[in-house]
Amino acid sequence: MIVKQLAVGGADDNFSYVLADEISLEGMVLDPCGDTRIILKSIEEGNITVKYIVNTHGHSDHIEGNKAIVRVTGALILCHKLDASSARPDIMLEDGDIYKLGELAVKIIHTPGHTPGSICLRINEVLFTGDTLFVGYCGRTDSSGGSSEALYESLFHKIGEFPDETRIYPGHNYGKRPVSTVGYEKSTNPYYQCGSREEFVELRARGV
């Protein structure tokens, strides 16, 4: 699998991603934003055929580059149905959907909390977490539709159930390093140290 993590600037140290199957070079762009020239250059240099643009949620800093990428690639825009009003996707995603890039299977995991339609993408032992989980932190829940209770469920009963060695690629460069693992976050991320839903909600409210 080809994974290109691109520091594109954006509103807040955003990451965009170019993902592709190594054999067919069929690919997707994840959360295009910031300086889309960086994304387009990566696509061109890799000779990648972009089938899809996937938005992990509908916030403006994760969808603002959609049109620029569509203009060049003609790719279809995909977003969860609960965030579709802002992203205006061609295809509305649901939990458990699978999309193929050559031989790669990309699984959609609905992880609400940051927004109602937040998703993660799993490819083999790699998880792209958008604004649900960062390195050493987690998504905010104080914007429209956010829910700390839902985020707790997503972190502890979805992401937290994956094997410890699962690599995590987040939507922003907030941590001490750009990539982490589920096991490392469970052992060091302060939000994963919460012993109950109530403790998590309180910590999230304080924004520590």
C-alpha atoms as a PDB file:
ATOM      1  CA  MET A   1       0.000   0.000   0.000  1.00  0.00           C
ATOM      2  CA  ILE A   2       1.139   3.518  -0.816  1.00  0.00           C
ATOM      3  CA  VAL A   3       0.524   6.051   1.963  1.00  0.00           C
ATOM      4  CA  LYS A   4       1.519   9.654   1.433  1.00  0.00           C
ATOM      5  CA  GLN A   5       0.943  11.796   4.512  1.00  0.00           C
ATOM      6  CA  LEU A   6       0.976  15.391   3.335  1.00  0.00           C
ATOM      7  CA  ALA A   7       1.418  18.427   5.582  1.00  0.00           C
ATOM      8  CA  VAL A   8      -0.771  20.815   3.597  1.00  0.00           C
ATOM      9  CA  GLY A   9      -1.116  23.626   6.126  1.00  0.00           C
ATOM     10  CA  GLY A  10      -4.815  24.342   6.153  1.00  0.00           C
ATOM     11  CA  ALA A  11      -6.652  25.917   9.045  1.00  0.00           C
ATOM     12  CA  ASP A  12      -4.743  24.074  11.761  1.00  0.00           C
ATOM     13  CA  ASP A  13      -1.736  21.950  10.751  1.00  0.00           C
ATOM     14  CA  ASN A  14      -3.916  19.661   8.658  1.00  0.00           C
ATOM     15  CA  PHE A  15      -2.828  16.394   7.106  1.00  0.00           C
ATOM     16  CA  SER A  16      -4.200  15.270   3.759  1.00  0.00           C
ATOM     17  CA  TYR A  17      -3.466  11.786   2.453  1.00  0.00           C
ATOM     18  CA  VAL A  18      -2.948  10.125  -0.896  1.00  0.00           C
ATOM     19  CA  LEU A  19      -3.522   6.367  -0.640  1.00  0.00           C
ATOM     20  CA  ALA A  20      -3.087   3.830  -3.417  1.00  0.00           C
ATOM     21  CA  ASP A  21      -2.679   0.195  -4.325  1.00  0.00           C
ATOM     22  CA  GLU A  22       0.955  -0.456  -5.248  1.00  0.00           C
ATOM     23  CA  ILE A  23       0.156  -2.615  -8.274  1.00  0.00           C
ATOM     24  CA  SER A  24      -2.800  -0.941  -9.970  1.00  0.00           C
ATOM     25  CA  LEU A  25      -1.982   2.567  -8.688  1.00  0.00           C
ATOM     26  CA  GLU A  26      -5.701   3.108  -8.084  1.00  0.00           C
ATOM     27  CA  GLY A  27      -6.022   5.566  -5.248  1.00  0.00           C
ATOM     28  CA  MET A  28      -7.984   7.991  -3.149  1.00  0.00           C
ATOM     29  CA  VAL A  29      -7.402  11.364  -1.556  1.00  0.00           C
ATOM     30  CA  LEU A  30      -8.364  11.729   2.081  1.00  0.00           C
ATOM     31  CA  ASP A  31      -9.458  15.119   3.458  1.00  0.00           C
ATOM     32  CA  PRO A  32      -8.066  17.442   0.751  1.00  0.00           C
ATOM     33  CA  CYS A  33      -7.448  20.904   2.148  1.00  0.00           C
ATOM     34  CA  GLY A  34      -4.809  23.581   2.539  1.00  0.00           C
ATOM     35  CA  ASP A  35      -2.370  23.840  -0.347  1.00  0.00           C
ATOM     36  CA  THR A  36      -3.936  21.412  -2.818  1.00  0.00           C
ATOM     37  CA  ARG A  37      -0.954  21.854  -5.135  1.00  0.00           C
ATOM     38  CA  ILE A  38       0.961  19.597  -2.746  1.00  0.00           C
ATOM     39  CA  ILE A  39      -1.703  16.920  -3.154  1.00  0.00           C
ATOM     40  CA  LEU A  40      -1.849  17.211  -6.927  1.00  0.00           C
ATOM     41  CA  LYS A  41       1.936  17.033  -7.178  1.00  0.00           C
ATOM     42  CA  SER A  42       1.945  13.860  -5.082  1.00  0.00           C
ATOM     43  CA  ILE A  43      -0.706  12.314  -7.330  1.00  0.00           C
ATOM     44  CA  GLU A  44       1.212  13.224 -10.477  1.00  0.00           C
ATOM     45  CA  GLU A  45       4.582  12.028  -9.184  1.00  0.00           C
ATOM     46  CA  GLY A  46       3.081   8.701  -8.150  1.00  0.00           C
ATOM     47  CA  ASN A  47       1.187   8.295 -11.423  1.00  0.00           C
ATOM     48  CA  ILE A  48      -1.885   7.548  -9.312  1.00  0.00           C
ATOM     49  CA  THR A  49      -5.387   7.271 -10.740  1.00  0.00           C
ATOM     50  CA  VAL A  50      -7.644   8.852  -8.123  1.00  0.00           C
ATOM     51  CA  LYS A  51     -11.032   7.113  -7.928  1.00  0.00           C
ATOM     52  CA  TYR A  52     -12.324   8.666  -4.735  1.00  0.00           C
ATOM     53  CA  ILE A  53     -12.060  11.686  -2.485  1.00  0.00           C
ATOM     54  CA  VAL A  54     -13.064  10.730   1.056  1.00  0.00           C
ATOM     55  CA  ASN A  55     -13.928  13.244   3.761  1.00  0.00           C
ATOM     56  CA  THR A  56     -13.598  11.879   7.290  1.00  0.00           C
ATOM     57  CA  HIS A  57     -16.185  14.468   8.336  1.00  0.00           C
ATOM     58  CA  GLY A  58     -17.869  17.563   7.001  1.00  0.00           C
ATOM     59  CA  HIS A  59     -15.952  20.396   8.663  1.00  0.00           C
ATOM     60  CA  SER A  60     -14.748  23.004   6.218  1.00  0.00           C
ATOM     61  CA  ASP A  61     -11.048  22.425   6.860  1.00  0.00           C
ATOM     62  CA  HIS A  62     -11.430  18.819   5.674  1.00  0.00           C
ATOM     63  CA  ILE A  63     -13.541  19.396   2.568  1.00  0.00           C
ATOM     64  CA  GLU A  64     -12.266  22.714   1.216  1.00  0.00           C
ATOM     65  CA  GLY A  65      -9.975  21.057  -1.322  1.00  0.00           C
ATOM     66  CA  ASN A  66     -12.607  18.751  -2.817  1.00  0.00           C
ATOM     67  CA  LYS A  67     -13.362  20.873  -5.865  1.00  0.00           C
ATOM     68  CA  ALA A  68      -9.703  21.413  -6.759  1.00  0.00           C
ATOM     69  CA  ILE A  69      -9.031  17.665  -6.749  1.00  0.00           C
ATOM     70  CA  VAL A  70     -12.237  16.830  -8.630  1.00  0.00           C
ATOM     71  CA  ARG A  71     -11.372  19.391 -11.287  1.00  0.00           C
ATOM     72  CA  VAL A  72      -8.135  17.578 -12.117  1.00  0.00           C
ATOM     73  CA  THR A  73      -9.021  13.940 -11.410  1.00  0.00           C
ATOM     74  CA  GLY A  74     -12.785  13.641 -11.875  1.00  0.00           C
ATOM     75  CA  ALA A  75     -12.905  11.554  -8.689  1.00  0.00           C
ATOM     76  CA  LEU A  76     -16.127  10.877  -6.777  1.00  0.00           C
ATOM     77  CA  ILE A  77     -16.593  12.524  -3.369  1.00  0.00           C
ATOM     78  CA  LEU A  78     -17.508  10.210  -0.484  1.00  0.00           C
ATOM     79  CA  CYS A  79     -18.671  11.226   3.002  1.00  0.00           C
ATOM     80  CA  HIS A  80     -20.855   9.701   5.710  1.00  0.00           C
ATOM     81  CA  LYS A  81     -24.535  10.390   5.214  1.00  0.00           C
ATOM     82  CA  LEU A  82     -24.814  12.270   8.536  1.00  0.00           C
ATOM     83  CA  ASP A  83     -22.270  14.876   7.380  1.00  0.00           C
ATOM     84  CA  ALA A  84     -23.496  15.010   3.792  1.00  0.00           C
ATOM     85  CA  SER A  85     -25.146  18.429   4.045  1.00  0.00           C
ATOM     86  CA  SER A  86     -21.776  20.187   4.207  1.00  0.00           C
ATOM     87  CA  ALA A  87     -19.620  17.851   2.115  1.00  0.00           C
ATOM     88  CA  ARG A  88     -22.215  17.305  -0.642  1.00  0.00           C
ATOM     89  CA  PRO A  89     -20.824  13.916  -1.634  1.00  0.00           C
ATOM     90  CA  ASP A  90     -21.550  11.899  -4.743  1.00  0.00           C
ATOM     91  CA  ILE A  91     -21.795   8.815  -2.534  1.00  0.00           C
ATOM     92  CA  MET A  92     -23.031   8.747   1.073  1.00  0.00           C
ATOM     93  CA  LEU A  93     -21.161   6.300   3.284  1.00  0.00           C
ATOM     94  CA  GLU A  94     -22.398   4.011   6.024  1.00  0.00           C
ATOM     95  CA  ASP A  95     -20.639   1.973   8.687  1.00  0.00           C
ATOM     96  CA  GLY A  96     -19.107  -1.188   7.266  1.00  0.00           C
ATOM     97  CA  ASP A  97     -18.973  -0.067   3.641  1.00  0.00           C
ATOM     98  CA  ILE A  98     -15.977  -1.396   1.713  1.00  0.00           C
ATOM     99  CA  TYR A  99     -14.382   0.261  -1.306  1.00  0.00           C
ATOM    100  CA  LYS A 100     -11.674  -1.306  -3.435  1.00  0.00           C
ATOM    101  CA  LEU A 101      -8.500   0.309  -4.738  1.00  0.00           C
ATOM    102  CA  GLY A 102      -7.056  -2.429  -6.895  1.00  0.00           C
ATOM    103  CA  GLU A 103      -6.583  -5.274  -4.410  1.00  0.00           C
ATOM    104  CA  LEU A 104      -6.800  -2.984  -1.379  1.00  0.00           C
ATOM    105  CA  ALA A 105     -10.007  -3.099   0.653  1.00  0.00           C
ATOM    106  CA  VAL A 106     -10.868   0.168   2.392  1.00  0.00           C
ATOM    107  CA  LYS A 107     -13.366  -0.307   5.231  1.00  0.00           C
ATOM    108  CA  ILE A 108     -15.489   2.555   6.554  1.00  0.00           C
ATOM    109  CA  ILE A 109     -15.877   2.728  10.332  1.00  0.00           C
ATOM    110  CA  HIS A 110     -18.463   5.155  11.683  1.00  0.00           C
ATOM    111  CA  THR A 111     -16.916   6.920  14.695  1.00  0.00           C
ATOM    112  CA  PRO A 112     -19.309   9.703  15.746  1.00  0.00           C
ATOM    113  CA  GLY A 113     -18.431  12.223  18.417  1.00  0.00           C
ATOM    114  CA  HIS A 114     -16.459  15.010  16.788  1.00  0.00           C
ATOM    115  CA  THR A 115     -19.344  15.234  14.332  1.00  0.00           C
ATOM    116  CA  PRO A 116     -22.340  12.925  13.850  1.00  0.00           C
ATOM    117  CA  GLY A 117     -20.878  11.570  10.609  1.00  0.00           C
ATOM    118  CA  SER A 118     -17.210  11.238  11.529  1.00  0.00           C
ATOM    119  CA  ILE A 119     -15.529   8.154  10.110  1.00  0.00           C
ATOM    120  CA  CYS A 120     -12.243   6.297  10.222  1.00  0.00           C
ATOM    121  CA  LEU A 121     -10.840   4.269   7.342  1.00  0.00           C
ATOM    122  CA  ARG A 122      -9.173   0.923   7.895  1.00  0.00           C
ATOM    123  CA  ILE A 123      -6.817  -0.654   5.368  1.00  0.00           C
ATOM    124  CA  ASN A 124      -5.166  -3.828   6.660  1.00  0.00           C
ATOM    125  CA  GLU A 125      -3.351  -2.814   9.864  1.00  0.00           C
ATOM    126  CA  VAL A 126      -3.605   0.925   9.249  1.00  0.00           C
ATOM    127  CA  LEU A 127      -6.287   3.282  10.548  1.00  0.00           C
ATOM    128  CA  PHE A 128      -6.895   6.811   9.303  1.00  0.00           C
ATOM    129  CA  THR A 129      -8.651   8.537  12.173  1.00  0.00           C
ATOM    130  CA  GLY A 130      -9.506  12.014  10.896  1.00  0.00           C
ATOM    131  CA  ASP A 131     -10.458  14.206  13.846  1.00  0.00           C
ATOM    132  CA  THR A 132     -11.627  11.340  16.044  1.00  0.00           C
ATOM    133  CA  LEU A 133      -8.209  10.462  17.481  1.00  0.00           C
ATOM    134  CA  PHE A 134      -4.942  12.373  17.354  1.00  0.00           C
ATOM    135  CA  VAL A 135      -1.499  11.563  18.698  1.00  0.00           C
ATOM    136  CA  GLY A 136      -1.874  12.300  22.409  1.00  0.00           C
ATOM    137  CA  TYR A 137      -5.275  13.920  22.063  1.00  0.00           C
ATOM    138  CA  CYS A 138      -8.773  13.415  20.655  1.00  0.00           C
ATOM    139  CA  GLY A 139     -11.372  15.353  18.710  1.00  0.00           C
ATOM    140  CA  ARG A 140     -13.303  18.280  20.110  1.00  0.00           C
ATOM    141  CA  THR A 141     -17.013  17.891  20.709  1.00  0.00           C
ATOM    142  CA  ASP A 142     -18.069  21.512  21.204  1.00  0.00           C
ATOM    143  CA  SER A 143     -19.126  22.202  17.618  1.00  0.00           C
ATOM    144  CA  SER A 144     -22.582  21.573  16.177  1.00  0.00           C
ATOM    145  CA  GLY A 145     -23.557  17.924  16.502  1.00  0.00           C
ATOM    146  CA  GLY A 146     -20.581  17.015  18.665  1.00  0.00           C
ATOM    147  CA  SER A 147     -21.066  14.528  21.490  1.00  0.00           C
ATOM    148  CA  SER A 148     -18.533  13.535  24.138  1.00  0.00           C
ATOM    149  CA  GLU A 149     -20.603  10.478  25.003  1.00  0.00           C
ATOM    150  CA  ALA A 150     -20.533   9.312  21.388  1.00  0.00           C
ATOM    151  CA  LEU A 151     -16.807  10.028  21.130  1.00  0.00           C
ATOM    152  CA  TYR A 152     -16.177   7.888  24.213  1.00  0.00           C
ATOM    153  CA  GLU A 153     -17.943   4.974  22.539  1.00  0.00           C
ATOM    154  CA  SER A 154     -15.982   5.487  19.327  1.00  0.00           C
ATOM    155  CA  LEU A 155     -12.622   5.636  21.087  1.00  0.00           C
ATOM    156  CA  PHE A 156     -13.113   2.860  23.616  1.00  0.00           C
ATOM    157  CA  HIS A 157     -15.439   0.436  21.840  1.00  0.00           C
ATOM    158  CA  LYS A 158     -14.384   0.854  18.223  1.00  0.00           C
ATOM    159  CA  ILE A 159     -10.826   2.166  17.822  1.00  0.00           C
ATOM    160  CA  GLY A 160      -9.762   0.749  21.171  1.00  0.00           C
ATOM    161  CA  GLU A 161     -10.776  -2.758  20.091  1.00  0.00           C
ATOM    162  CA  PHE A 162      -8.262  -2.873  17.251  1.00  0.00           C
ATOM    163  CA  PRO A 163      -4.922  -4.659  17.771  1.00  0.00           C
ATOM    164  CA  ASP A 164      -2.304  -2.599  19.586  1.00  0.00           C
ATOM    165  CA  GLU A 165       0.019  -2.645  16.574  1.00  0.00           C
ATOM    166  CA  THR A 166      -2.568  -0.935  14.348  1.00  0.00           C
ATOM    167  CA  ARG A 167      -0.955   2.229  12.994  1.00  0.00           C
ATOM    168  CA  ILE A 168      -2.838   5.502  13.344  1.00  0.00           C
ATOM    169  CA  TYR A 169      -2.674   8.362  10.875  1.00  0.00           C
ATOM    170  CA  PRO A 170      -4.559  11.427  12.227  1.00  0.00           C
ATOM    171  CA  GLY A 171      -6.152  14.420  10.525  1.00  0.00           C
ATOM    172  CA  HIS A 172      -3.949  17.043  12.181  1.00  0.00           C
ATOM    173  CA  ASN A 173      -0.303  17.283  13.189  1.00  0.00           C
ATOM    174  CA  TYR A 174      -0.972  17.924  16.871  1.00  0.00           C
ATOM    175  CA  GLY A 175       1.291  15.369  18.509  1.00  0.00           C
ATOM    176  CA  LYS A 176       4.985  14.860  19.150  1.00  0.00           C
ATOM    177  CA  ARG A 177       5.113  12.635  16.079  1.00  0.00           C
ATOM    178  CA  PRO A 178       2.904  12.356  12.995  1.00  0.00           C
ATOM    179  CA  VAL A 179       1.990   8.665  13.324  1.00  0.00           C
ATOM    180  CA  SER A 180       1.109   6.492  16.292  1.00  0.00           C
ATOM    181  CA  THR A 181      -0.383   3.097  17.147  1.00  0.00           C
ATOM    182  CA  VAL A 182      -3.518   2.043  18.956  1.00  0.00           C
ATOM    183  CA  GLY A 183      -1.433   0.479  21.727  1.00  0.00           C
ATOM    184  CA  TYR A 184       0.673   3.587  22.251  1.00  0.00           C
ATOM    185  CA  GLU A 185      -2.383   5.806  22.451  1.00  0.00           C
ATOM    186  CA  LYS A 186      -4.127   3.465  24.882  1.00  0.00           C
ATOM    187  CA  SER A 187      -1.095   3.562  27.167  1.00  0.00           C
ATOM    188  CA  THR A 188      -0.203   7.274  26.921  1.00  0.00           C
ATOM    189  CA  ASN A 189      -3.116   9.354  25.616  1.00  0.00           C
ATOM    190  CA  PRO A 190      -4.770  11.062  28.619  1.00  0.00           C
ATOM    191  CA  TYR A 191      -8.236  10.420  27.224  1.00  0.00           C
ATOM    192  CA  TYR A 192      -7.635   6.682  27.184  1.00  0.00           C
ATOM    193  CA  GLN A 193      -6.667   6.805  30.851  1.00  0.00           C
ATOM    194  CA  CYS A 194     -10.218   7.708  31.851  1.00  0.00           C
ATOM    195  CA  GLY A 195     -11.831   4.968  33.912  1.00  0.00           C
ATOM    196  CA  SER A 196     -15.416   5.767  33.001  1.00  0.00           C
ATOM    197  CA  ARG A 197     -17.592   7.541  30.480  1.00  0.00           C
ATOM    198  CA  GLU A 198     -18.297  10.250  33.050  1.00  0.00           C
ATOM    199  CA  GLU A 199     -14.606  10.894  33.654  1.00  0.00           C
ATOM    200  CA  PHE A 200     -14.005  11.101  29.914  1.00  0.00           C
ATOM    201  CA  VAL A 201     -16.856  13.567  29.384  1.00  0.00           C
ATOM    202  CA  GLU A 202     -15.545  15.753  32.204  1.00  0.00           C
ATOM    203  CA  LEU A 203     -11.995  15.732  30.807  1.00  0.00           C
ATOM    204  CA  ARG A 204     -13.260  16.510  27.311  1.00  0.00           C
ATOM    205  CA  ALA A 205     -15.302  19.425  28.681  1.00  0.00           C
ATOM    206  CA  ARG A 206     -12.175  20.882  30.259  1.00  0.00           C
ATOM    207  CA  GLY A 207     -10.306  20.499  26.968  1.00  0.00           C
ATOM    208  CA  VAL A 208      -7.113  19.317  28.618  1.00  0.00           C
END
